[in-house]
Protein backbone atom coordinates (compact mmCIF):
# COMPACT_ATOMS: atom_id res chain seq x y z
CA MET A 1 -0.09 -0.15 -0.16
CA ASP A 2 1.28 3.40 -0.92
CA ASN A 3 0.53 6.68 0.81
CA GLU A 4 -2.18 7.75 -1.49
CA VAL A 5 -6.15 7.87 -1.34
CA LEU A 6 -8.01 7.88 -4.54
CA ILE A 7 -10.59 10.72 -4.56
CA PRO A 8 -13.29 11.17 -7.46
CA THR A 9 -12.88 14.72 -8.72
CA GLU A 10 -16.44 15.17 -9.45
CA GLY A 11 -17.56 18.23 -7.67
CA ASN A 12 -14.15 18.78 -6.03
CA TYR A 13 -11.29 21.15 -7.18
CA LEU A 14 -8.03 19.70 -5.62
CA ARG A 15 -4.57 19.79 -7.15
CA ILE A 16 -1.83 17.53 -6.76
CA GLY A 17 -0.25 17.86 -3.27
CA ASP A 18 -3.28 19.59 -1.85
CA PHE A 19 -4.35 18.26 1.66
CA ALA A 20 -7.97 17.65 2.51
CA GLN A 21 -10.15 15.98 5.06
CA VAL A 22 -11.53 12.61 3.48
CA ARG A 23 -13.59 9.79 4.55
CA ILE A 24 -12.38 6.38 3.43
CA THR A 25 -15.42 4.73 1.67
CA GLU A 26 -13.52 1.70 0.19
CA ALA A 27 -10.33 -0.28 0.73
CA ARG A 28 -9.05 -2.21 -2.21
CA GLU A 29 -5.91 -4.82 -2.44
CA HIS A 30 -3.37 -1.88 -2.97
CA GLU A 31 -5.32 1.22 -2.43
CA LEU A 32 -7.88 3.31 -0.37
CA VAL A 33 -10.80 5.14 -1.95
CA GLY A 34 -12.23 8.14 -0.26
CA GLU A 35 -14.41 11.29 -0.50
CA VAL A 36 -13.88 14.85 0.57
CA VAL A 37 -15.70 15.89 3.74
CA GLY A 38 -16.49 19.36 4.81
């Protein structure tokens, strides 16, 4: 597992390197998937 969380870009404006509060919604074999909260 690397230090990344996949976040769908729909409705979010995030640039590479930005920090955001996220809620983890899914754990895959080698990745985490989340959504921006707040």
